[in-house]
Amino acid sequence: MNKPCLQMDLYPRPELFDFHGVSMVSHFTDNWEETQNFQARPDDVLLASYPKAGSTWLSYILDLLYFGQTSPERQTSVPIYRRVPVLELAFSHPQTEPGSTPHIYKGTEILDNLPTSPRLIKTHLPVQFMPKSFWEQNCKMVYVARNAKDSVVSFFHFERMTLCCPEPEDWDNYLQRFMKGQLMCGSWYDHVNGWWKKKETYSKLHFMFYEDLVENTRREIDRLCHFLGLSPSAEEKEIIAGRVKFDKMKTNNMVNYSTFKMMDFNKSSFIRKGKVGDWKNHFTVAQNEEFEEDYKKKMKDSTLQFHTVI
C-alpha cells in the first residue's frame, strides 16, 4: 500500500542552480570532489541516462543478469538503489523513527563498499562530467535514452512526488523549462546527444532506447548480453524477462522505491506507467506544435532518431 512520507515537511526541496553550464541540485554536487576522484575498476559496468529514461528498469535487468543466479537473496533484501547506487548522489536520508539522526547517503561510499563484483554503477551525469577513471579503465557503459515527450511527462510526475527534486510547479511551466534545459541534469538534448556522440570515440558504449525495451524486452536483453559478454541460458533469460515486466516491478518493494523515504506516493508512484506515447495525455495541441518546432531546431544536426509511439 502506498504511504505518505512522514518526513516531507522536514526536508525542504532543493533549488536549481547553474553548475558549469548545467542545471543541477545540491544532491548531485555536494560530493563533487569525491565523485570526480572516484576510482573505477576495469570490470565496473556503468549505466547512464537522463532522468526518467528507464534506468531503474535497466538496473534491475543488469542486476538479475549478473547476480540473479549467484546471489538470489539480494532480490528480496536489498533495494535496487543500493544494489546499483547512483555515483554522484549525496544527501541526508531521513529516518522513520522520531528523533533519530539522519544518515548521509553518498553514492561513492556505497560503491566503495559493495560486496559484489562487478560493480553496477548508475549515473545521470552528462558525459562531460564523468570521472576520468571510467575512461582510463575502459569500463563497459550502457546508455538508455527515451523520447523527449515521454521523458518530460515522466520527469514531471517524478518531481511532483520526490523531495530530492525542486518543486515542478504547473505542467505548462514545466514543459517550457524542459525546452530551455532548466531541469535537474540540464538539457535533455545536450545529454542524449553528448552520450550519442561519445560512441564515435569510445567503443565500449552500448546505446539503448527505452522504446525498444518496451517493444521487445527479450530482444534487448539478448543484445545487452552480447555487448556484456554474458551467456545466460534461454530459461534464465525468460525468467528475467518475466520479472522485469512493469506490473511485477510496481509491486516489488525492492524495485519500486517504496523503501525510499523521500517520496510521497500519494502524489504518484515511482514506477508509473512504463508506456510509450503517454505524452498524448498531457500535451495540448498548441503545446505539441510548439514542442515539435523547438525539437526540430535543437535536433537538426543530430543523427539520433526516436519513436514517440510504437
Protein backbone atom coordinates (compact mmCIF):
# COMPACT_ATOMS: atom_id res chain seq x y z
CA MET A 1 0.00 0.00 0.00
CA ASN A 2 1.28 3.46 -0.85
CA LYS A 3 2.12 5.56 2.17
CA PRO A 4 2.85 9.27 2.53
CA CYS A 5 6.35 10.25 3.51
CA LEU A 6 6.09 11.39 7.12
CA GLN A 7 9.25 13.45 6.80
CA MET A 8 8.15 15.51 3.79
CA ASP A 9 7.71 18.76 5.71
CA LEU A 10 11.08 18.43 7.45
CA TYR A 11 13.25 18.40 4.34
CA PRO A 12 12.94 21.39 2.01
CA ARG A 13 13.18 20.76 -1.69
CA PRO A 14 16.50 21.74 -3.29
CA GLU A 15 16.87 24.72 -5.61
CA LEU A 16 18.21 24.51 -9.14
CA PHE A 17 21.45 26.35 -9.86
CA ASP A 18 23.92 26.63 -12.72
CA PHE A 19 26.83 24.23 -12.30
CA HIS A 20 29.46 24.56 -15.03
CA GLY A 21 26.71 25.35 -17.52
CA VAL A 22 24.30 22.61 -16.42
CA SER A 23 21.25 22.99 -14.15
CA MET A 24 21.88 20.89 -11.05
CA VAL A 25 20.81 20.46 -7.43
CA SER A 26 23.00 20.13 -4.36
CA HIS A 27 22.24 16.40 -4.05
CA PHE A 28 24.31 15.88 -7.21
CA THR A 29 27.12 18.33 -6.45
CA ASP A 30 27.72 18.21 -2.66
CA ASN A 31 30.05 15.22 -3.07
CA TRP A 32 31.64 16.51 -6.26
CA GLU A 33 35.33 16.14 -5.38
CA GLU A 34 34.88 12.54 -4.26
CA THR A 35 32.78 11.84 -7.34
CA GLN A 36 35.41 13.23 -9.71
CA ASN A 37 38.17 11.34 -7.89
CA PHE A 38 36.21 8.09 -7.86
CA GLN A 39 38.40 5.15 -8.85
CA ALA A 40 36.67 2.98 -11.40
CA ARG A 41 37.69 -0.64 -11.88
CA PRO A 42 38.11 -2.37 -15.26
CA ASP A 43 35.14 -4.68 -14.61
CA ASP A 44 32.76 -1.91 -13.47
CA VAL A 45 29.58 -1.62 -15.55
CA LEU A 46 28.21 1.92 -15.82
CA LEU A 47 24.54 2.61 -16.56
CA ALA A 48 23.96 6.19 -17.69
CA SER A 49 20.80 8.09 -18.64
CA TYR A 50 18.95 11.35 -18.44
CA PRO A 51 16.49 11.09 -15.51
CA LYS A 52 13.34 9.01 -16.09
CA ALA A 53 14.58 7.16 -19.15
CA GLY A 54 14.29 3.63 -17.77
CA SER A 55 17.48 3.46 -15.71
CA THR A 56 15.79 1.67 -12.78
CA TRP A 57 14.39 -0.86 -15.25
CA LEU A 58 17.87 -1.41 -16.73
CA SER A 59 19.39 -1.53 -13.23
CA TYR A 60 17.09 -4.40 -12.36
CA ILE A 61 17.82 -6.23 -15.63
CA LEU A 62 21.59 -5.86 -15.13
CA ASP A 63 21.41 -6.97 -11.51
CA LEU A 64 19.43 -10.07 -12.47
CA LEU A 65 21.84 -10.88 -15.30
CA TYR A 66 24.88 -10.68 -13.07
CA PHE A 67 23.58 -11.79 -9.68
CA GLY A 68 20.12 -13.30 -10.12
CA GLN A 69 21.52 -16.84 -10.00
CA THR A 70 24.52 -16.38 -7.69
CA SER A 71 23.01 -14.03 -5.08
CA PRO A 72 19.22 -14.54 -5.13
CA GLU A 73 18.89 -13.16 -1.58
CA ARG A 74 19.71 -9.68 -2.95
CA GLN A 75 16.40 -9.68 -4.76
CA THR A 76 14.36 -9.85 -1.58
CA SER A 77 16.50 -7.96 0.92
CA VAL A 78 18.42 -5.13 -0.78
CA PRO A 79 16.64 -2.21 -2.53
CA ILE A 80 17.69 -1.63 -6.12
CA TYR A 81 19.13 1.80 -5.31
CA ARG A 82 21.65 0.08 -3.04
CA ARG A 83 22.38 -2.76 -5.44
CA VAL A 84 23.00 -0.24 -8.24
CA PRO A 85 23.95 3.02 -6.46
CA VAL A 86 23.87 6.43 -8.10
CA LEU A 87 27.51 7.52 -8.26
CA GLU A 88 27.04 11.27 -7.76
CA LEU A 89 24.14 11.25 -5.30
CA ALA A 90 24.69 12.59 -1.77
CA PHE A 91 22.12 13.72 0.80
CA SER A 92 20.88 13.31 4.33
CA HIS A 93 18.38 10.48 4.26
CA PRO A 94 15.53 10.98 6.77
CA GLN A 95 14.80 8.24 9.25
CA THR A 96 11.35 6.89 10.03
CA GLU A 97 11.84 6.87 13.80
CA PRO A 98 11.06 10.20 15.53
CA GLY A 99 14.17 11.83 16.92
CA SER A 100 16.58 9.55 15.06
CA THR A 101 19.59 11.07 13.31
CA PRO A 102 19.52 11.21 9.51
CA HIS A 103 22.34 9.29 7.90
CA ILE A 104 24.38 10.62 5.00
CA TYR A 105 23.91 8.75 1.74
CA LYS A 106 26.93 9.01 -0.54
CA GLY A 107 26.96 7.02 -3.74
CA THR A 108 30.75 6.94 -3.81
CA GLU A 109 30.96 5.40 -0.32
CA ILE A 110 28.30 2.79 -1.03
CA LEU A 111 30.09 1.82 -4.24
CA ASP A 112 33.44 1.55 -2.49
CA ASN A 113 31.85 -0.86 0.00
CA LEU A 114 29.81 -3.00 -2.38
CA PRO A 115 30.36 -6.71 -1.61
CA THR A 116 29.68 -7.80 -5.20
CA SER A 117 31.78 -7.70 -8.34
CA PRO A 118 31.40 -6.39 -10.94
CA ARG A 119 30.03 -3.18 -9.50
CA LEU A 120 26.90 -1.92 -11.25
CA ILE A 121 27.03 1.88 -11.19
CA LYS A 122 24.25 4.27 -12.14
CA THR A 123 24.67 7.90 -13.16
CA HIS A 124 22.61 10.77 -14.56
CA LEU A 125 25.66 12.91 -15.25
CA PRO A 126 26.17 14.48 -18.67
CA VAL A 127 29.06 12.80 -20.46
CA GLN A 128 31.44 15.74 -19.88
CA PHE A 129 31.04 15.38 -16.10
CA MET A 130 32.06 11.72 -15.94
CA PRO A 131 35.08 10.94 -13.72
CA LYS A 132 38.14 10.32 -15.92
CA SER A 133 38.89 6.95 -14.30
CA PHE A 134 35.94 5.34 -16.15
CA TRP A 135 37.56 6.19 -19.49
CA GLU A 136 41.04 5.25 -18.26
CA GLN A 137 39.82 1.84 -17.08
CA ASN A 138 37.96 1.26 -20.36
CA CYS A 139 34.76 0.35 -18.49
CA LYS A 140 31.75 -1.03 -20.26
CA MET A 141 28.93 1.51 -20.36
CA VAL A 142 25.24 1.26 -21.16
CA TYR A 143 23.28 4.40 -22.01
CA VAL A 144 19.49 4.27 -22.21
CA ALA A 145 17.61 7.09 -23.93
CA ARG A 146 13.90 7.84 -24.03
CA ASN A 147 11.99 10.10 -26.42
CA ALA A 148 11.77 13.70 -25.25
CA LYS A 149 7.98 13.89 -24.93
CA ASP A 150 7.59 10.86 -22.67
CA SER A 151 10.74 11.90 -20.80
CA VAL A 152 9.34 15.27 -19.80
CA VAL A 153 6.00 13.76 -18.73
CA SER A 154 7.68 11.11 -16.59
CA PHE A 155 10.10 13.65 -15.10
CA PHE A 156 7.18 15.95 -14.23
CA HIS A 157 5.38 13.25 -12.24
CA PHE A 158 8.65 12.16 -10.63
CA GLU A 159 9.40 15.68 -9.40
CA ARG A 160 5.87 16.03 -8.06
CA MET A 161 6.41 13.13 -5.67
CA THR A 162 10.15 13.31 -4.92
CA LEU A 163 11.52 15.54 -2.20
CA CYS A 164 15.02 15.29 -3.67
CA CYS A 165 13.85 17.41 -6.61
CA PRO A 166 12.76 21.05 -6.99
CA GLU A 167 9.04 21.84 -6.96
CA PRO A 168 7.85 21.26 -10.56
CA GLU A 169 5.04 23.87 -10.46
CA ASP A 170 2.40 23.56 -13.20
CA TRP A 171 2.67 21.41 -16.32
CA ASP A 172 2.87 24.22 -18.89
CA ASN A 173 5.65 25.98 -16.98
CA TYR A 174 7.47 22.68 -16.58
CA LEU A 175 7.31 21.96 -20.30
CA GLN A 176 8.78 25.39 -21.06
CA ARG A 177 11.65 24.78 -18.64
CA PHE A 178 12.33 21.37 -20.22
CA MET A 179 12.70 23.02 -23.63
CA LYS A 180 15.11 25.56 -22.10
CA GLY A 181 17.16 22.90 -20.34
CA GLN A 182 16.21 24.27 -16.93
CA LEU A 183 15.61 20.97 -15.17
CA MET A 184 17.81 18.82 -12.95
CA CYS A 185 20.70 17.43 -15.01
CA GLY A 186 20.25 20.14 -17.61
CA SER A 187 19.17 19.86 -21.20
CA TRP A 188 17.74 16.55 -22.41
CA TYR A 189 19.02 17.48 -25.88
CA ASP A 190 22.59 18.05 -24.71
CA HIS A 191 22.52 14.94 -22.53
CA VAL A 192 21.37 12.40 -25.12
CA ASN A 193 23.43 13.92 -27.93
CA GLY A 194 26.54 14.15 -25.77
CA TRP A 195 26.44 10.45 -24.94
CA TRP A 196 25.43 9.54 -28.52
CA LYS A 197 28.48 11.34 -29.93
CA LYS A 198 30.73 9.63 -27.39
CA LYS A 199 30.01 6.35 -29.18
CA GLU A 200 32.14 7.59 -32.07
CA THR A 201 35.31 7.64 -29.96
CA TYR A 202 34.53 5.13 -27.20
CA SER A 203 33.84 1.59 -28.38
CA LYS A 204 32.64 0.13 -25.07
CA LEU A 205 29.40 2.12 -25.03
CA HIS A 206 26.12 0.33 -25.74
CA PHE A 207 23.32 2.77 -26.61
CA MET A 208 19.78 1.57 -25.89
CA PHE A 209 16.34 3.03 -26.41
CA TYR A 210 13.50 2.84 -23.90
CA GLU A 211 11.01 2.35 -26.72
CA ASP A 212 12.90 -0.73 -27.97
CA LEU A 213 12.80 -2.19 -24.47
CA VAL A 214 9.05 -1.71 -24.29
CA GLU A 215 8.52 -3.13 -27.77
CA ASN A 216 10.64 -6.26 -27.31
CA THR A 217 12.26 -6.73 -23.92
CA ARG A 218 13.68 -10.18 -24.72
CA ARG A 219 15.42 -8.94 -27.88
CA GLU A 220 17.02 -6.05 -25.99
CA ILE A 221 18.18 -8.39 -23.21
CA ASP A 222 19.85 -10.53 -25.90
CA ARG A 223 21.63 -7.50 -27.34
CA LEU A 224 22.70 -6.39 -23.88
CA CYS A 225 24.10 -9.84 -23.11
CA HIS A 226 26.06 -9.84 -26.38
CA PHE A 227 27.61 -6.47 -25.50
CA LEU A 228 28.45 -7.51 -21.94
CA GLY A 229 29.80 -10.92 -22.95
CA LEU A 230 27.20 -12.75 -20.87
CA SER A 231 25.60 -16.04 -21.90
CA PRO A 232 22.65 -16.89 -19.66
CA SER A 233 20.52 -19.86 -20.67
CA ALA A 234 17.26 -19.36 -22.55
CA GLU A 235 15.44 -20.33 -19.36
CA GLU A 236 17.31 -17.72 -17.30
CA LYS A 237 16.54 -15.00 -19.84
CA GLU A 238 12.89 -16.00 -19.83
CA ILE A 239 12.79 -15.73 -16.03
CA ILE A 240 14.44 -12.28 -16.14
CA ALA A 241 12.05 -11.03 -18.82
CA GLY A 242 9.14 -12.13 -16.63
CA ARG A 243 10.47 -10.45 -13.52
CA VAL A 244 11.10 -7.08 -15.19
CA LYS A 245 7.56 -6.63 -16.51
CA PHE A 246 6.11 -3.36 -15.26
CA ASP A 247 3.23 -4.86 -13.34
CA LYS A 248 5.73 -7.06 -11.46
CA MET A 249 8.12 -4.19 -10.75
CA LYS A 250 5.34 -1.93 -9.48
CA THR A 251 4.57 -4.38 -6.69
CA ASN A 252 8.19 -5.36 -5.95
CA ASN A 253 9.20 -3.38 -2.86
CA MET A 254 12.89 -3.88 -3.63
CA VAL A 255 12.44 -2.16 -7.01
CA ASN A 256 9.52 0.30 -6.66
CA TYR A 257 11.34 2.62 -4.20
CA SER A 258 8.68 2.14 -1.51
CA THR A 259 11.56 1.88 1.00
CA PHE A 260 12.96 5.25 -0.09
CA LYS A 261 11.64 7.75 2.45
CA MET A 262 11.91 10.94 0.43
CA MET A 263 8.97 10.24 -1.86
CA ASP A 264 5.27 10.97 -1.49
CA PHE A 265 3.46 8.02 -3.03
CA ASN A 266 0.11 9.76 -2.56
CA LYS A 267 1.10 12.06 -5.46
CA SER A 268 2.41 9.43 -7.84
CA SER A 269 4.01 6.00 -7.91
CA PHE A 270 7.71 5.83 -8.71
CA ILE A 271 7.13 3.18 -11.37
CA ARG A 272 4.15 4.84 -13.01
CA LYS A 273 3.07 3.52 -16.42
CA GLY A 274 6.05 2.38 -18.48
CA LYS A 275 4.23 3.27 -21.68
CA VAL A 276 5.33 4.81 -24.96
CA GLY A 277 3.05 7.66 -26.01
CA ASP A 278 1.68 8.72 -22.63
CA TRP A 279 2.67 12.26 -23.63
CA LYS A 280 -0.57 12.39 -25.64
CA ASN A 281 -2.47 12.51 -22.33
CA HIS A 282 -0.58 15.65 -21.27
CA PHE A 283 0.35 17.76 -24.32
CA THR A 284 -2.28 20.10 -25.70
CA VAL A 285 -2.33 20.61 -29.47
CA ALA A 286 -0.68 24.01 -29.06
CA GLN A 287 1.98 22.64 -26.72
CA ASN A 288 2.75 19.81 -29.12
CA GLU A 289 3.13 22.18 -32.08
CA GLU A 290 5.48 24.46 -30.13
CA PHE A 291 7.46 21.48 -28.84
CA GLU A 292 7.82 19.94 -32.31
CA GLU A 293 9.12 23.20 -33.78
CA ASP A 294 11.62 23.63 -30.95
CA TYR A 295 12.67 19.97 -31.16
CA LYS A 296 13.47 20.21 -34.88
CA LYS A 297 15.74 23.19 -34.26
CA LYS A 298 17.61 21.56 -31.39
CA MET A 299 17.99 18.17 -33.10
CA LYS A 300 18.67 19.33 -36.66
CA ASP A 301 22.33 18.30 -36.53
CA SER A 302 21.76 15.04 -34.67
CA THR A 303 21.54 11.56 -36.18
CA LEU A 304 19.54 10.31 -33.17
CA GLN A 305 16.09 9.01 -34.06
CA PHE A 306 13.34 8.38 -31.50
CA HIS A 307 9.90 6.79 -31.62
CA THR A 308 7.15 8.67 -29.78
CA VAL A 309 4.63 5.89 -30.47
CA ILE A 310 5.05 2.16 -31.12
